[in-house]
ModelCIF file with pLDDT and N, C-alpha, C, O atoms, coordinates in Angstrom:
data_MODEL
#
_entry.id   MODEL 
#
_entity.id                         1 
_entity.type                       polymer 
_entity.pdbx_number_of_molecules   1 
#
_entity_poly.entity_id                      1 
_entity_poly.type                           'polypeptide(L)' 
_entity_poly.nstd_linkage                   no 
_entity_poly.nstd_monomer                   no 
_entity_poly.pdbx_seq_one_letter_code       WKHSHNYIHHQFTNVLGHDNDIGYGVLRMAREQKWHPVNLGQPVYNA 
_entity_poly.pdbx_seq_one_letter_code_can   WKHSHNYIHHQFTNVLGHDNDIGYGVLRMAREQKWHPVNLGQPVYNA 
_entity_poly.pdbx_strand_id                 A 
#
loop_
_entity_poly_seq.entity_id 
_entity_poly_seq.num 
_entity_poly_seq.mon_id 
_entity_poly_seq.hetero 
1 1  TRP n 
1 2  LYS n 
1 3  HIS n 
1 4  SER n 
1 5  HIS n 
1 6  ASN n 
1 7  TYR n 
1 8  ILE n 
1 9  HIS n 
1 10 HIS n 
1 11 GLN n 
1 12 PHE n 
1 13 THR n 
1 14 ASN n 
1 15 VAL n 
1 16 LEU n 
1 17 GLY n 
1 18 HIS n 
1 19 ASP n 
1 20 ASN n 
1 21 ASP n 
1 22 ILE n 
1 23 GLY n 
1 24 TYR n 
1 25 GLY n 
1 26 VAL n 
1 27 LEU n 
1 28 ARG n 
1 29 MET n 
1 30 ALA n 
1 31 ARG n 
1 32 GLU n 
1 33 GLN n 
1 34 LYS n 
1 35 TRP n 
1 36 HIS n 
1 37 PRO n 
1 38 VAL n 
1 39 ASN n 
1 40 LEU n 
1 41 GLY n 
1 42 GLN n 
1 43 PRO n 
1 44 VAL n 
1 45 TYR n 
1 46 ASN n 
1 47 ALA n 
#
_struct_asym.id          A 
_struct_asym.entity_id   1 
#
loop_
_ma_qa_metric.id 
_ma_qa_metric.mode 
_ma_qa_metric.name 
_ma_qa_metric.software_group_id 
_ma_qa_metric.type 
1 global pLDDT . pLDDT 
2 local  pLDDT . pLDDT 
#
_ma_qa_metric_global.metric_id      1 
_ma_qa_metric_global.metric_value   87.81 
_ma_qa_metric_global.model_id       1 
_ma_qa_metric_global.ordinal_id     1 
#
loop_
_ma_qa_metric_local.label_asym_id 
_ma_qa_metric_local.label_comp_id 
_ma_qa_metric_local.label_seq_id 
_ma_qa_metric_local.metric_id 
_ma_qa_metric_local.metric_value 
_ma_qa_metric_local.model_id 
_ma_qa_metric_local.ordinal_id 
A TRP 1  2 84.00 1 1  
A LYS 2  2 85.00 1 2  
A HIS 3  2 84.00 1 3  
A SER 4  2 84.00 1 4  
A HIS 5  2 86.00 1 5  
A ASN 6  2 84.00 1 6  
A TYR 7  2 84.00 1 7  
A ILE 8  2 84.00 1 8  
A HIS 9  2 87.00 1 9  
A HIS 10 2 87.00 1 10 
A GLN 11 2 86.00 1 11 
A PHE 12 2 87.00 1 12 
A THR 13 2 88.00 1 13 
A ASN 14 2 88.00 1 14 
A VAL 15 2 88.00 1 15 
A LEU 16 2 85.00 1 16 
A GLY 17 2 80.00 1 17 
A HIS 18 2 82.00 1 18 
A ASP 19 2 85.00 1 19 
A ASN 20 2 81.00 1 20 
A ASP 21 2 83.00 1 21 
A ILE 22 2 86.00 1 22 
A GLY 23 2 83.00 1 23 
A TYR 24 2 82.00 1 24 
A GLY 25 2 79.00 1 25 
A VAL 26 2 86.00 1 26 
A LEU 27 2 91.00 1 27 
A ARG 28 2 91.00 1 28 
A MET 29 2 90.00 1 29 
A ALA 30 2 89.00 1 30 
A ARG 31 2 88.00 1 31 
A GLU 32 2 86.00 1 32 
A GLN 33 2 86.00 1 33 
A LYS 34 2 87.00 1 34 
A TRP 35 2 91.00 1 35 
A HIS 36 2 90.00 1 36 
A PRO 37 2 94.00 1 37 
A VAL 38 2 92.00 1 38 
A ASN 39 2 93.00 1 39 
A LEU 40 2 95.00 1 40 
A GLY 41 2 95.00 1 41 
A GLN 42 2 95.00 1 42 
A PRO 43 2 95.00 1 43 
A VAL 44 2 96.00 1 44 
A TYR 45 2 94.00 1 45 
A ASN 46 2 95.00 1 46 
A ALA 47 2 96.00 1 47 
#
loop_
_atom_site.group_PDB 
_atom_site.id 
_atom_site.type_symbol 
_atom_site.label_atom_id 
_atom_site.label_alt_id 
_atom_site.label_comp_id 
_atom_site.label_asym_id 
_atom_site.label_entity_id 
_atom_site.label_seq_id 
_atom_site.pdbx_PDB_ins_code 
_atom_site.Cartn_x 
_atom_site.Cartn_y 
_atom_site.Cartn_z 
_atom_site.occupancy 
_atom_site.B_iso_or_equiv 
_atom_site.pdbx_formal_charge 
_atom_site.auth_seq_id 
_atom_site.auth_comp_id 
_atom_site.auth_asym_id 
_atom_site.auth_atom_id 
_atom_site.pdbx_PDB_model_num 
ATOM 1   N N  . TRP A 1 1  ? 1.113   -11.670 -4.092 1.00 84.00 ? 1  TRP A N  1 
ATOM 2   C CA . TRP A 1 1  ? 0.520   -11.762 -2.811 1.00 84.00 ? 1  TRP A CA 1 
ATOM 3   C C  . TRP A 1 1  ? 0.682   -10.760 -1.649 1.00 84.00 ? 1  TRP A C  1 
ATOM 4   O O  . TRP A 1 1  ? -0.142  -10.173 -0.948 1.00 84.00 ? 1  TRP A O  1 
ATOM 5   N N  . LYS A 1 2  ? 1.837   -10.766 -1.682 1.00 85.00 ? 2  LYS A N  1 
ATOM 6   C CA . LYS A 1 2  ? 2.947   -9.541  -0.907 1.00 85.00 ? 2  LYS A CA 1 
ATOM 7   C C  . LYS A 1 2  ? 2.177   -8.101  -1.258 1.00 85.00 ? 2  LYS A C  1 
ATOM 8   O O  . LYS A 1 2  ? 2.519   -7.152  -0.553 1.00 85.00 ? 2  LYS A O  1 
ATOM 9   N N  . HIS A 1 3  ? 0.602   -7.710  -2.860 1.00 84.00 ? 3  HIS A N  1 
ATOM 10  C CA . HIS A 1 3  ? 0.572   -6.780  -2.614 1.00 84.00 ? 3  HIS A CA 1 
ATOM 11  C C  . HIS A 1 3  ? -1.505  -7.048  -1.801 1.00 84.00 ? 3  HIS A C  1 
ATOM 12  O O  . HIS A 1 3  ? -2.078  -6.371  -0.947 1.00 84.00 ? 3  HIS A O  1 
ATOM 13  N N  . SER A 1 4  ? -1.923  -8.074  -2.453 1.00 84.00 ? 4  SER A N  1 
ATOM 14  C CA . SER A 1 4  ? -3.143  -8.111  -2.057 1.00 84.00 ? 4  SER A CA 1 
ATOM 15  C C  . SER A 1 4  ? -3.432  -9.174  -0.456 1.00 84.00 ? 4  SER A C  1 
ATOM 16  O O  . SER A 1 4  ? -4.346  -9.531  0.288  1.00 84.00 ? 4  SER A O  1 
ATOM 17  N N  . HIS A 1 5  ? -2.385  -9.268  -0.583 1.00 86.00 ? 5  HIS A N  1 
ATOM 18  C CA . HIS A 1 5  ? -2.482  -9.716  1.783  1.00 86.00 ? 5  HIS A CA 1 
ATOM 19  C C  . HIS A 1 5  ? -1.137  -9.121  2.104  1.00 86.00 ? 5  HIS A C  1 
ATOM 20  O O  . HIS A 1 5  ? -1.216  -7.913  1.885  1.00 86.00 ? 5  HIS A O  1 
ATOM 21  N N  . ASN A 1 6  ? -0.289  -9.354  2.404  1.00 84.00 ? 6  ASN A N  1 
ATOM 22  C CA . ASN A 1 6  ? 0.479   -7.641  2.891  1.00 84.00 ? 6  ASN A CA 1 
ATOM 23  C C  . ASN A 1 6  ? 0.566   -6.918  3.029  1.00 84.00 ? 6  ASN A C  1 
ATOM 24  O O  . ASN A 1 6  ? 1.399   -6.478  3.821  1.00 84.00 ? 6  ASN A O  1 
ATOM 25  N N  . TYR A 1 7  ? -0.406  -6.077  2.215  1.00 84.00 ? 7  TYR A N  1 
ATOM 26  C CA . TYR A 1 7  ? -0.145  -4.579  2.059  1.00 84.00 ? 7  TYR A CA 1 
ATOM 27  C C  . TYR A 1 7  ? -1.776  -4.329  2.492  1.00 84.00 ? 7  TYR A C  1 
ATOM 28  O O  . TYR A 1 7  ? -2.178  -3.896  3.572  1.00 84.00 ? 7  TYR A O  1 
ATOM 29  N N  . ILE A 1 8  ? -2.690  -4.790  1.162  1.00 84.00 ? 8  ILE A N  1 
ATOM 30  C CA . ILE A 1 8  ? -4.148  -4.334  1.277  1.00 84.00 ? 8  ILE A CA 1 
ATOM 31  C C  . ILE A 1 8  ? -4.456  -5.471  3.187  1.00 84.00 ? 8  ILE A C  1 
ATOM 32  O O  . ILE A 1 8  ? -4.377  -4.663  4.113  1.00 84.00 ? 8  ILE A O  1 
ATOM 33  N N  . HIS A 1 9  ? -4.710  -6.805  3.671  1.00 87.00 ? 9  HIS A N  1 
ATOM 34  C CA . HIS A 1 9  ? -5.290  -6.797  4.300  1.00 87.00 ? 9  HIS A CA 1 
ATOM 35  C C  . HIS A 1 9  ? -4.907  -6.175  4.968  1.00 87.00 ? 9  HIS A C  1 
ATOM 36  O O  . HIS A 1 9  ? -5.370  -5.037  5.048  1.00 87.00 ? 9  HIS A O  1 
ATOM 37  N N  . HIS A 1 10 ? -4.018  -6.528  5.675  1.00 87.00 ? 10 HIS A N  1 
ATOM 38  C CA . HIS A 1 10 ? -2.731  -6.256  6.765  1.00 87.00 ? 10 HIS A CA 1 
ATOM 39  C C  . HIS A 1 10 ? -2.711  -4.590  7.008  1.00 87.00 ? 10 HIS A C  1 
ATOM 40  O O  . HIS A 1 10 ? -2.870  -4.119  8.134  1.00 87.00 ? 10 HIS A O  1 
ATOM 41  N N  . GLN A 1 11 ? -2.537  -3.912  6.037  1.00 86.00 ? 11 GLN A N  1 
ATOM 42  C CA . GLN A 1 11 ? -4.032  -2.458  6.122  1.00 86.00 ? 11 GLN A CA 1 
ATOM 43  C C  . GLN A 1 11 ? -4.422  -2.226  6.748  1.00 86.00 ? 11 GLN A C  1 
ATOM 44  O O  . GLN A 1 11 ? -4.114  -1.785  7.855  1.00 86.00 ? 11 GLN A O  1 
ATOM 45  N N  . PHE A 1 12 ? -5.650  -2.540  6.044  1.00 87.00 ? 12 PHE A N  1 
ATOM 46  C CA . PHE A 1 12 ? -6.449  -2.051  6.035  1.00 87.00 ? 12 PHE A CA 1 
ATOM 47  C C  . PHE A 1 12 ? -8.233  -3.350  7.126  1.00 87.00 ? 12 PHE A C  1 
ATOM 48  O O  . PHE A 1 12 ? -9.458  -3.354  7.254  1.00 87.00 ? 12 PHE A O  1 
ATOM 49  N N  . THR A 1 13 ? -7.278  -3.947  7.446  1.00 88.00 ? 13 THR A N  1 
ATOM 50  C CA . THR A 1 13 ? -7.610  -4.592  8.042  1.00 88.00 ? 13 THR A CA 1 
ATOM 51  C C  . THR A 1 13 ? -9.391  -5.143  8.373  1.00 88.00 ? 13 THR A C  1 
ATOM 52  O O  . THR A 1 13 ? -9.042  -5.738  9.393  1.00 88.00 ? 13 THR A O  1 
ATOM 53  N N  . ASN A 1 14 ? -10.372 -5.309  8.344  1.00 88.00 ? 14 ASN A N  1 
ATOM 54  C CA . ASN A 1 14 ? -11.783 -5.834  8.327  1.00 88.00 ? 14 ASN A CA 1 
ATOM 55  C C  . ASN A 1 14 ? -12.088 -4.789  7.404  1.00 88.00 ? 14 ASN A C  1 
ATOM 56  O O  . ASN A 1 14 ? -13.049 -4.169  7.858  1.00 88.00 ? 14 ASN A O  1 
ATOM 57  N N  . VAL A 1 15 ? -11.731 -4.337  6.377  1.00 88.00 ? 15 VAL A N  1 
ATOM 58  C CA . VAL A 1 15 ? -12.637 -2.573  6.545  1.00 88.00 ? 15 VAL A CA 1 
ATOM 59  C C  . VAL A 1 15 ? -13.547 -3.228  5.190  1.00 88.00 ? 15 VAL A C  1 
ATOM 60  O O  . VAL A 1 15 ? -13.127 -4.014  4.341  1.00 88.00 ? 15 VAL A O  1 
ATOM 61  N N  . LEU A 1 16 ? -14.795 -2.680  5.291  1.00 85.00 ? 16 LEU A N  1 
ATOM 62  C CA . LEU A 1 16 ? -15.721 -2.470  4.170  1.00 85.00 ? 16 LEU A CA 1 
ATOM 63  C C  . LEU A 1 16 ? -14.882 -1.351  2.870  1.00 85.00 ? 16 LEU A C  1 
ATOM 64  O O  . LEU A 1 16 ? -14.366 -0.238  2.979  1.00 85.00 ? 16 LEU A O  1 
ATOM 65  N N  . GLY A 1 17 ? -15.135 -2.633  1.241  1.00 80.00 ? 17 GLY A N  1 
ATOM 66  C CA . GLY A 1 17 ? -15.541 -1.576  0.642  1.00 80.00 ? 17 GLY A CA 1 
ATOM 67  C C  . GLY A 1 17 ? -13.738 -2.018  -0.085 1.00 80.00 ? 17 GLY A C  1 
ATOM 68  O O  . GLY A 1 17 ? -13.371 -1.868  -1.250 1.00 80.00 ? 17 GLY A O  1 
ATOM 69  N N  . HIS A 1 18 ? -12.934 -2.569  1.089  1.00 82.00 ? 18 HIS A N  1 
ATOM 70  C CA . HIS A 1 18 ? -11.200 -1.933  1.819  1.00 82.00 ? 18 HIS A CA 1 
ATOM 71  C C  . HIS A 1 18 ? -10.238 -3.373  1.552  1.00 82.00 ? 18 HIS A C  1 
ATOM 72  O O  . HIS A 1 18 ? -9.297  -3.245  0.768  1.00 82.00 ? 18 HIS A O  1 
ATOM 73  N N  . ASP A 1 19 ? -10.473 -4.787  2.218  1.00 85.00 ? 19 ASP A N  1 
ATOM 74  C CA . ASP A 1 19 ? -10.053 -5.422  2.733  1.00 85.00 ? 19 ASP A CA 1 
ATOM 75  C C  . ASP A 1 19 ? -10.302 -6.743  1.524  1.00 85.00 ? 19 ASP A C  1 
ATOM 76  O O  . ASP A 1 19 ? -11.523 -6.888  1.482  1.00 85.00 ? 19 ASP A O  1 
ATOM 77  N N  . ASN A 1 20 ? -9.783  -7.526  0.756  1.00 81.00 ? 20 ASN A N  1 
ATOM 78  C CA . ASN A 1 20 ? -10.564 -8.298  -0.010 1.00 81.00 ? 20 ASN A CA 1 
ATOM 79  C C  . ASN A 1 20 ? -10.624 -9.502  0.201  1.00 81.00 ? 20 ASN A C  1 
ATOM 80  O O  . ASN A 1 20 ? -10.815 -10.482 -0.519 1.00 81.00 ? 20 ASN A O  1 
ATOM 81  N N  . ASP A 1 21 ? -10.225 -9.164  2.533  1.00 83.00 ? 21 ASP A N  1 
ATOM 82  C CA . ASP A 1 21 ? -10.341 -11.140 2.611  1.00 83.00 ? 21 ASP A CA 1 
ATOM 83  C C  . ASP A 1 21 ? -11.521 -10.964 3.363  1.00 83.00 ? 21 ASP A C  1 
ATOM 84  O O  . ASP A 1 21 ? -11.816 -11.686 4.316  1.00 83.00 ? 21 ASP A O  1 
ATOM 85  N N  . ILE A 1 22 ? -12.421 -9.716  2.826  1.00 86.00 ? 22 ILE A N  1 
ATOM 86  C CA . ILE A 1 22 ? -14.046 -10.003 3.496  1.00 86.00 ? 22 ILE A CA 1 
ATOM 87  C C  . ILE A 1 22 ? -14.321 -10.679 2.352  1.00 86.00 ? 22 ILE A C  1 
ATOM 88  O O  . ILE A 1 22 ? -14.494 -10.032 1.320  1.00 86.00 ? 22 ILE A O  1 
ATOM 89  N N  . GLY A 1 23 ? -14.402 -12.019 2.345  1.00 83.00 ? 23 GLY A N  1 
ATOM 90  C CA . GLY A 1 23 ? -16.351 -12.744 1.186  1.00 83.00 ? 23 GLY A CA 1 
ATOM 91  C C  . GLY A 1 23 ? -14.808 -13.323 0.573  1.00 83.00 ? 23 GLY A C  1 
ATOM 92  O O  . GLY A 1 23 ? -15.056 -14.513 0.380  1.00 83.00 ? 23 GLY A O  1 
ATOM 93  N N  . TYR A 1 24 ? -13.543 -13.127 0.222  1.00 82.00 ? 24 TYR A N  1 
ATOM 94  C CA . TYR A 1 24 ? -13.175 -12.659 -1.476 1.00 82.00 ? 24 TYR A CA 1 
ATOM 95  C C  . TYR A 1 24 ? -13.979 -12.787 -2.921 1.00 82.00 ? 24 TYR A C  1 
ATOM 96  O O  . TYR A 1 24 ? -14.034 -13.360 -4.010 1.00 82.00 ? 24 TYR A O  1 
ATOM 97  N N  . GLY A 1 25 ? -14.478 -11.923 -2.165 1.00 79.00 ? 25 GLY A N  1 
ATOM 98  C CA . GLY A 1 25 ? -15.075 -11.012 -3.635 1.00 79.00 ? 25 GLY A CA 1 
ATOM 99  C C  . GLY A 1 25 ? -15.746 -12.743 -4.316 1.00 79.00 ? 25 GLY A C  1 
ATOM 100 O O  . GLY A 1 25 ? -15.490 -12.974 -5.497 1.00 79.00 ? 25 GLY A O  1 
ATOM 101 N N  . VAL A 1 26 ? -16.588 -13.868 -3.479 1.00 86.00 ? 26 VAL A N  1 
ATOM 102 C CA . VAL A 1 26 ? -17.364 -14.435 -3.503 1.00 86.00 ? 26 VAL A CA 1 
ATOM 103 C C  . VAL A 1 26 ? -18.363 -14.763 -2.519 1.00 86.00 ? 26 VAL A C  1 
ATOM 104 O O  . VAL A 1 26 ? -19.372 -15.468 -2.535 1.00 86.00 ? 26 VAL A O  1 
ATOM 105 N N  . LEU A 1 27 ? -17.649 -13.871 -1.446 1.00 91.00 ? 27 LEU A N  1 
ATOM 106 C CA . LEU A 1 27 ? -19.133 -15.142 -0.028 1.00 91.00 ? 27 LEU A CA 1 
ATOM 107 C C  . LEU A 1 27 ? -19.145 -13.014 0.173  1.00 91.00 ? 27 LEU A C  1 
ATOM 108 O O  . LEU A 1 27 ? -18.585 -11.998 -0.237 1.00 91.00 ? 27 LEU A O  1 
ATOM 109 N N  . ARG A 1 28 ? -20.464 -13.609 1.301  1.00 91.00 ? 28 ARG A N  1 
ATOM 110 C CA . ARG A 1 28 ? -20.606 -12.145 2.001  1.00 91.00 ? 28 ARG A CA 1 
ATOM 111 C C  . ARG A 1 28 ? -21.280 -12.895 3.018  1.00 91.00 ? 28 ARG A C  1 
ATOM 112 O O  . ARG A 1 28 ? -22.136 -13.657 3.467  1.00 91.00 ? 28 ARG A O  1 
ATOM 113 N N  . MET A 1 29 ? -19.798 -11.765 3.083  1.00 90.00 ? 29 MET A N  1 
ATOM 114 C CA . MET A 1 29 ? -19.090 -11.954 5.135  1.00 90.00 ? 29 MET A CA 1 
ATOM 115 C C  . MET A 1 29 ? -20.125 -10.848 5.869  1.00 90.00 ? 29 MET A C  1 
ATOM 116 O O  . MET A 1 29 ? -21.177 -11.334 6.283  1.00 90.00 ? 29 MET A O  1 
ATOM 117 N N  . ALA A 1 30 ? -19.967 -9.729  6.023  1.00 89.00 ? 30 ALA A N  1 
ATOM 118 C CA . ALA A 1 30 ? -20.942 -9.206  6.609  1.00 89.00 ? 30 ALA A CA 1 
ATOM 119 C C  . ALA A 1 30 ? -21.945 -8.691  6.739  1.00 89.00 ? 30 ALA A C  1 
ATOM 120 O O  . ALA A 1 30 ? -21.989 -8.282  5.579  1.00 89.00 ? 30 ALA A O  1 
ATOM 121 N N  . ARG A 1 31 ? -23.740 -7.972  7.584  1.00 88.00 ? 31 ARG A N  1 
ATOM 122 C CA . ARG A 1 31 ? -24.013 -7.720  6.957  1.00 88.00 ? 31 ARG A CA 1 
ATOM 123 C C  . ARG A 1 31 ? -24.768 -6.231  6.641  1.00 88.00 ? 31 ARG A C  1 
ATOM 124 O O  . ARG A 1 31 ? -25.914 -6.018  6.245  1.00 88.00 ? 31 ARG A O  1 
ATOM 125 N N  . GLU A 1 32 ? -23.634 -5.251  6.984  1.00 86.00 ? 32 GLU A N  1 
ATOM 126 C CA . GLU A 1 32 ? -23.890 -4.485  5.943  1.00 86.00 ? 32 GLU A CA 1 
ATOM 127 C C  . GLU A 1 32 ? -23.495 -3.823  4.761  1.00 86.00 ? 32 GLU A C  1 
ATOM 128 O O  . GLU A 1 32 ? -23.459 -2.632  4.451  1.00 86.00 ? 32 GLU A O  1 
ATOM 129 N N  . GLN A 1 33 ? -23.041 -5.471  3.834  1.00 86.00 ? 33 GLN A N  1 
ATOM 130 C CA . GLN A 1 33 ? -23.523 -5.733  2.497  1.00 86.00 ? 33 GLN A CA 1 
ATOM 131 C C  . GLN A 1 33 ? -24.066 -6.479  2.182  1.00 86.00 ? 33 GLN A C  1 
ATOM 132 O O  . GLN A 1 33 ? -24.276 -7.653  2.488  1.00 86.00 ? 33 GLN A O  1 
ATOM 133 N N  . LYS A 1 34 ? -24.600 -5.241  0.918  1.00 87.00 ? 34 LYS A N  1 
ATOM 134 C CA . LYS A 1 34 ? -26.289 -5.443  0.312  1.00 87.00 ? 34 LYS A CA 1 
ATOM 135 C C  . LYS A 1 34 ? -25.765 -6.514  -0.696 1.00 87.00 ? 34 LYS A C  1 
ATOM 136 O O  . LYS A 1 34 ? -24.839 -6.558  -1.506 1.00 87.00 ? 34 LYS A O  1 
ATOM 137 N N  . TRP A 1 35 ? -27.073 -7.623  -0.169 1.00 91.00 ? 35 TRP A N  1 
ATOM 138 C CA . TRP A 1 35 ? -27.562 -8.796  -0.332 1.00 91.00 ? 35 TRP A CA 1 
ATOM 139 C C  . TRP A 1 35 ? -27.792 -8.491  -1.875 1.00 91.00 ? 35 TRP A C  1 
ATOM 140 O O  . TRP A 1 35 ? -27.950 -7.363  -2.340 1.00 91.00 ? 35 TRP A O  1 
ATOM 141 N N  . HIS A 1 36 ? -27.788 -9.096  -2.240 1.00 90.00 ? 36 HIS A N  1 
ATOM 142 C CA . HIS A 1 36 ? -28.542 -9.608  -3.471 1.00 90.00 ? 36 HIS A CA 1 
ATOM 143 C C  . HIS A 1 36 ? -28.227 -11.469 -4.159 1.00 90.00 ? 36 HIS A C  1 
ATOM 144 O O  . HIS A 1 36 ? -27.286 -12.243 -3.983 1.00 90.00 ? 36 HIS A O  1 
ATOM 145 N N  . PRO A 1 37 ? -29.739 -11.608 -5.087 1.00 94.00 ? 37 PRO A N  1 
ATOM 146 C CA . PRO A 1 37 ? -30.061 -12.704 -5.106 1.00 94.00 ? 37 PRO A CA 1 
ATOM 147 C C  . PRO A 1 37 ? -28.877 -14.240 -5.272 1.00 94.00 ? 37 PRO A C  1 
ATOM 148 O O  . PRO A 1 37 ? -29.013 -15.419 -4.944 1.00 94.00 ? 37 PRO A O  1 
ATOM 149 N N  . VAL A 1 38 ? -27.965 -13.614 -5.812 1.00 92.00 ? 38 VAL A N  1 
ATOM 150 C CA . VAL A 1 38 ? -26.962 -14.537 -6.097 1.00 92.00 ? 38 VAL A CA 1 
ATOM 151 C C  . VAL A 1 38 ? -26.191 -15.171 -4.948 1.00 92.00 ? 38 VAL A C  1 
ATOM 152 O O  . VAL A 1 38 ? -25.307 -16.024 -5.025 1.00 92.00 ? 38 VAL A O  1 
ATOM 153 N N  . ASN A 1 39 ? -26.587 -14.717 -4.107 1.00 93.00 ? 39 ASN A N  1 
ATOM 154 C CA . ASN A 1 39 ? -25.497 -14.864 -2.020 1.00 93.00 ? 39 ASN A CA 1 
ATOM 155 C C  . ASN A 1 39 ? -26.673 -16.116 -2.081 1.00 93.00 ? 39 ASN A C  1 
ATOM 156 O O  . ASN A 1 39 ? -26.275 -17.024 -1.351 1.00 93.00 ? 39 ASN A O  1 
ATOM 157 N N  . LEU A 1 40 ? -27.307 -16.281 -2.385 1.00 95.00 ? 40 LEU A N  1 
ATOM 158 C CA . LEU A 1 40 ? -28.000 -17.977 -2.351 1.00 95.00 ? 40 LEU A CA 1 
ATOM 159 C C  . LEU A 1 40 ? -27.159 -19.400 -2.472 1.00 95.00 ? 40 LEU A C  1 
ATOM 160 O O  . LEU A 1 40 ? -27.039 -20.590 -2.181 1.00 95.00 ? 40 LEU A O  1 
ATOM 161 N N  . GLY A 1 41 ? -26.711 -18.288 -3.119 1.00 95.00 ? 41 GLY A N  1 
ATOM 162 C CA . GLY A 1 41 ? -25.322 -20.330 -4.204 1.00 95.00 ? 41 GLY A CA 1 
ATOM 163 C C  . GLY A 1 41 ? -24.485 -19.921 -1.928 1.00 95.00 ? 41 GLY A C  1 
ATOM 164 O O  . GLY A 1 41 ? -24.193 -20.485 -0.873 1.00 95.00 ? 41 GLY A O  1 
ATOM 165 N N  . GLN A 1 42 ? -24.511 -19.408 -2.191 1.00 95.00 ? 42 GLN A N  1 
ATOM 166 C CA . GLN A 1 42 ? -23.283 -19.770 -0.742 1.00 95.00 ? 42 GLN A CA 1 
ATOM 167 C C  . GLN A 1 42 ? -22.892 -20.816 -0.138 1.00 95.00 ? 42 GLN A C  1 
ATOM 168 O O  . GLN A 1 42 ? -21.796 -20.768 0.420  1.00 95.00 ? 42 GLN A O  1 
ATOM 169 N N  . PRO A 1 43 ? -23.590 -21.900 -0.093 1.00 95.00 ? 43 PRO A N  1 
ATOM 170 C CA . PRO A 1 43 ? -23.030 -22.118 0.674  1.00 95.00 ? 43 PRO A CA 1 
ATOM 171 C C  . PRO A 1 43 ? -23.088 -23.476 -0.713 1.00 95.00 ? 43 PRO A C  1 
ATOM 172 O O  . PRO A 1 43 ? -22.595 -24.555 -0.384 1.00 95.00 ? 43 PRO A O  1 
ATOM 173 N N  . VAL A 1 44 ? -23.463 -23.405 -1.646 1.00 96.00 ? 44 VAL A N  1 
ATOM 174 C CA . VAL A 1 44 ? -22.152 -24.139 -2.604 1.00 96.00 ? 44 VAL A CA 1 
ATOM 175 C C  . VAL A 1 44 ? -20.705 -23.496 -2.839 1.00 96.00 ? 44 VAL A C  1 
ATOM 176 O O  . VAL A 1 44 ? -19.591 -24.015 -2.786 1.00 96.00 ? 44 VAL A O  1 
ATOM 177 N N  . TYR A 1 45 ? -21.173 -21.973 -3.160 1.00 94.00 ? 45 TYR A N  1 
ATOM 178 C CA . TYR A 1 45 ? -19.763 -21.570 -3.271 1.00 94.00 ? 45 TYR A CA 1 
ATOM 179 C C  . TYR A 1 45 ? -18.737 -21.816 -1.973 1.00 94.00 ? 45 TYR A C  1 
ATOM 180 O O  . TYR A 1 45 ? -17.516 -21.880 -2.114 1.00 94.00 ? 45 TYR A O  1 
ATOM 181 N N  . ASN A 1 46 ? -19.577 -21.972 -0.391 1.00 95.00 ? 46 ASN A N  1 
ATOM 182 C CA . ASN A 1 46 ? -18.373 -22.156 1.077  1.00 95.00 ? 46 ASN A CA 1 
ATOM 183 C C  . ASN A 1 46 ? -17.871 -23.784 -0.142 1.00 95.00 ? 46 ASN A C  1 
ATOM 184 O O  . ASN A 1 46 ? -17.074 -23.648 -1.070 1.00 95.00 ? 46 ASN A O  1 
ATOM 185 N N  . ALA A 1 47 ? -18.139 -24.316 -0.010 1.00 96.00 ? 47 ALA A N  1 
ATOM 186 C CA . ALA A 1 47 ? -17.647 -25.884 -0.509 1.00 96.00 ? 47 ALA A CA 1 
ATOM 187 C C  . ALA A 1 47 ? -16.881 -25.992 -1.821 1.00 96.00 ? 47 ALA A C  1 
ATOM 188 O O  . ALA A 1 47 ? -16.504 -27.091 -2.227 1.00 96.00 ? 47 ALA A O  1 
#
């Protein structure tokens, strides 16, 4: 947690390609991120 949150997230806040908090590797949360058919399941992944 110290690495992923304290270092990466707080150093690279909301930088696409750097901050793991942008979607947590599960959700597409920025229009700049390429769309993939797997994203159709986002409502389920989110729940």
